[in-house]
C-alpha atoms as a PDB file:
ATOM      1  CA  MET A   1     -24.387  11.616 113.857  1.00  0.00           C
ATOM      2  CA  VAL A   2     -21.065  12.532 112.281  1.00  0.00           C
ATOM      3  CA  ILE A   3     -17.937  12.887 114.382  1.00  0.00           C
ATOM      4  CA  VAL A   4     -15.285  15.092 112.789  1.00  0.00           C
ATOM      5  CA  LEU A   5     -11.697  14.173 113.635  1.00  0.00           C
ATOM      6  CA  ASP A   6      -8.298  15.463 112.686  1.00  0.00           C
ATOM      7  CA  ASN A   7      -5.566  13.020 111.724  1.00  0.00           C
ATOM      8  CA  GLY A   8      -3.929  12.812 115.123  1.00  0.00           C
ATOM      9  CA  PRO A   9      -2.401   9.423 115.934  1.00  0.00           C
ATOM     10  CA  ILE A  10      -4.963   8.781 118.664  1.00  0.00           C
ATOM     11  CA  HIS A  11      -7.777   9.201 116.120  1.00  0.00           C
ATOM     12  CA  ARG A  12      -6.150   6.886 113.586  1.00  0.00           C
ATOM     13  CA  CYS A  13      -5.241   4.077 116.002  1.00  0.00           C
ATOM     14  CA  GLN A  14      -6.408   0.483 115.683  1.00  0.00           C
ATOM     15  CA  ALA A  15      -8.838   0.806 118.613  1.00  0.00           C
ATOM     16  CA  VAL A  16     -10.805   3.444 116.673  1.00  0.00           C
ATOM     17  CA  TYR A  17     -10.890   1.316 113.520  1.00  0.00           C
ATOM     18  CA  ASP A  18     -11.980  -1.717 115.566  1.00  0.00           C
ATOM     19  CA  GLN A  19     -15.029   0.216 116.815  1.00  0.00           C
ATOM     20  CA  GLN A  20     -15.940   1.909 113.555  1.00  0.00           C
ATOM     21  CA  ALA A  21     -18.326  -0.817 112.317  1.00  0.00           C
ATOM     22  CA  ASN A  22     -20.146  -0.853 115.673  1.00  0.00           C
ATOM     23  CA  TRP A  23     -20.564   2.919 115.605  1.00  0.00           C
ATOM     24  CA  GLU A  24     -21.880   2.852 112.038  1.00  0.00           C
ATOM     25  CA  GLU A  25     -24.519   0.304 113.100  1.00  0.00           C
ATOM     26  CA  GLN A  26     -25.637   2.978 115.600  1.00  0.00           C
ATOM     27  CA  ASP A  27     -25.681   5.649 112.844  1.00  0.00           C
ATOM     28  CA  MET A  28     -22.477   7.283 114.077  1.00  0.00           C
ATOM     29  CA  TYR A  29     -19.950   8.002 111.351  1.00  0.00           C
ATOM     30  CA  LEU A  30     -16.374   9.245 111.429  1.00  0.00           C
ATOM     31  CA  PHE A  31     -15.262  12.013 109.100  1.00  0.00           C
ATOM     32  CA  PHE A  32     -11.543  12.728 108.973  1.00  0.00           C
ATOM     33  CA  LEU A  33     -10.419  16.216 108.034  1.00  0.00           C
ATOM     34  CA  PRO A  34      -7.970  16.492 105.144  1.00  0.00           C
ATOM     35  CA  THR A  35      -4.383  15.838 106.173  1.00  0.00           C
ATOM     36  CA  TYR A  36      -3.426  19.507 106.393  1.00  0.00           C
ATOM     37  CA  SER A  37      -6.434  21.708 107.094  1.00  0.00           C
ATOM     38  CA  PRO A  38      -5.692  24.141 109.933  1.00  0.00           C
ATOM     39  CA  HIS A  39      -8.521  26.414 108.753  1.00  0.00           C
ATOM     40  CA  LEU A  40     -11.009  23.639 109.598  1.00  0.00           C
ATOM     41  CA  ASN A  41      -9.626  22.802 113.045  1.00  0.00           C
ATOM     42  CA  PRO A  42     -10.664  25.252 115.808  1.00  0.00           C
ATOM     43  CA  ILE A  43      -7.609  24.522 117.970  1.00  0.00           C
ATOM     44  CA  GLU A  44      -5.346  25.518 115.067  1.00  0.00           C
ATOM     45  CA  ILE A  45      -7.217  28.811 114.725  1.00  0.00           C
ATOM     46  CA  LEU A  46      -6.818  29.436 118.460  1.00  0.00           C
ATOM     47  CA  TRP A  47      -3.102  28.605 118.302  1.00  0.00           C
ATOM     48  CA  ARG A  48      -2.605  30.975 115.343  1.00  0.00           C
ATOM     49  CA  PHE A  49      -4.227  33.835 117.260  1.00  0.00           C
ATOM     50  CA  LEU A  50      -2.235  33.046 120.377  1.00  0.00           C
ATOM     51  CA  LYS A  51       1.061  32.800 118.523  1.00  0.00           C
ATOM     52  CA  TYR A  52       0.736  35.698 116.090  1.00  0.00           C
ATOM     53  CA  ARG A  53      -1.591  38.196 117.797  1.00  0.00           C
ATOM     54  CA  TRP A  54      -1.590  37.828 121.548  1.00  0.00           C
ATOM     55  CA  LEU A  55       1.938  36.775 122.471  1.00  0.00           C
ATOM     56  CA  GLN A  56       4.502  39.569 122.457  1.00  0.00           C
ATOM     57  CA  LYS A  57       8.239  39.438 121.804  1.00  0.00           C
ATOM     58  CA  LEU A  58       9.014  39.800 125.508  1.00  0.00           C
ATOM     59  CA  HIS A  59       7.140  36.557 126.210  1.00  0.00           C
ATOM     60  CA  TYR A  60       9.779  34.647 124.223  1.00  0.00           C
ATOM     61  CA  SER A  61      12.673  35.860 126.372  1.00  0.00           C
ATOM     62  CA  SER A  62      12.527  32.731 128.552  1.00  0.00           C
ATOM     63  CA  TRP A  63      10.712  29.414 128.728  1.00  0.00           C
ATOM     64  CA  SER A  64       9.055  30.279 132.043  1.00  0.00           C
ATOM     65  CA  ARG A  65       7.818  33.641 130.747  1.00  0.00           C
ATOM     66  CA  LEU A  66       6.427  32.031 127.576  1.00  0.00           C
ATOM     67  CA  LYS A  67       4.697  29.288 129.539  1.00  0.00           C
ATOM     68  CA  LYS A  68       3.217  31.806 131.974  1.00  0.00           C
ATOM     69  CA  ALA A  69       1.911  33.976 129.110  1.00  0.00           C
ATOM     70  CA  VAL A  70       0.361  31.025 127.256  1.00  0.00           C
ATOM     71  CA  PHE A  71      -1.424  29.794 130.391  1.00  0.00           C
ATOM     72  CA  ALA A  72      -2.648  33.323 131.165  1.00  0.00           C
ATOM     73  CA  ILE A  73      -4.077  33.730 127.660  1.00  0.00           C
ATOM     74  CA  ILE A  74      -5.797  30.350 127.807  1.00  0.00           C
ATOM     75  CA  ARG A  75      -7.213  31.152 131.243  1.00  0.00           C
ATOM     76  CA  LEU A  76      -8.584  34.499 129.979  1.00  0.00           C
ATOM     77  CA  PHE A  77      -9.805  33.154 126.645  1.00  0.00           C
ATOM     78  CA  GLY A  78     -13.432  34.135 126.122  1.00  0.00           C
ATOM     79  CA  GLN A  79     -13.086  37.131 128.429  1.00  0.00           C
ATOM     80  CA  GLU A  80     -10.084  39.253 127.514  1.00  0.00           C
ATOM     81  CA  TYR A  81      -9.003  37.215 124.480  1.00  0.00           C
ATOM     82  CA  ARG A  82     -11.645  36.462 121.843  1.00  0.00           C
ATOM     83  CA  ILE A  83     -11.801  35.324 118.251  1.00  0.00           C
ATOM     84  CA  CYS A  84     -14.474  36.967 116.133  1.00  0.00           C
ATOM     85  CA  PHE A  85     -15.293  34.391 113.483  1.00  0.00           C
ATOM     86  CA  ASP A  86     -17.627  36.819 111.712  1.00  0.00           C
ATOM     87  CA  GLY A  87     -14.631  38.987 110.939  1.00  0.00           C
ATOM     88  CA  LEU A  88     -12.699  35.999 109.626  1.00  0.00           C
ATOM     89  CA  VAL A  89     -15.577  34.942 107.387  1.00  0.00           C
ATOM     90  CA  ASN A  90     -16.165  38.442 106.012  1.00  0.00           C
ATOM     91  CA  ARG A  91     -12.476  38.970 105.313  1.00  0.00           C
ATOM     92  CA  ASN A  92     -12.277  35.699 103.370  1.00  0.00           C
ATOM     93  CA  LYS A  93     -15.379  36.169 101.227  1.00  0.00           C
ATOM     94  CA  VAL A  94     -14.897  36.298  97.494  1.00  0.00           C
ATOM     95  CA  LYS A  95     -16.701  39.189  95.817  1.00  0.00           C
ATOM     96  CA  PHE A  96     -17.892  38.584  92.281  1.00  0.00           C
ATOM     97  CA  ASN A  97     -18.300  41.355  89.791  1.00  0.00           C
ATOM     98  CA  SER A  98     -21.904  41.341  88.610  1.00  0.00           C
ATOM     99  CA  ALA A  99     -21.165  43.528  85.581  1.00  0.00           C
END
């Protein structure tokens, strides 16, 4: 089993390193994402959609309005707000010229 982690302080703390040998004895391995890799971290993808697609200018007019909008989007995520990963993959494909 491989556990994929970002480089958050909680994942890089001494308690994790102290347990790493024990986990490896149980065939559990840690894999740390590269230092800056938002495209590999699902929460970063969600935050990008929230920030650049779903929030509107009026939501930034006050802290309470912004907080309310963010919580509403998170609550409705998967119903009203969705991320189509197929579209992201297709848009980022490299097409090679076969000629």
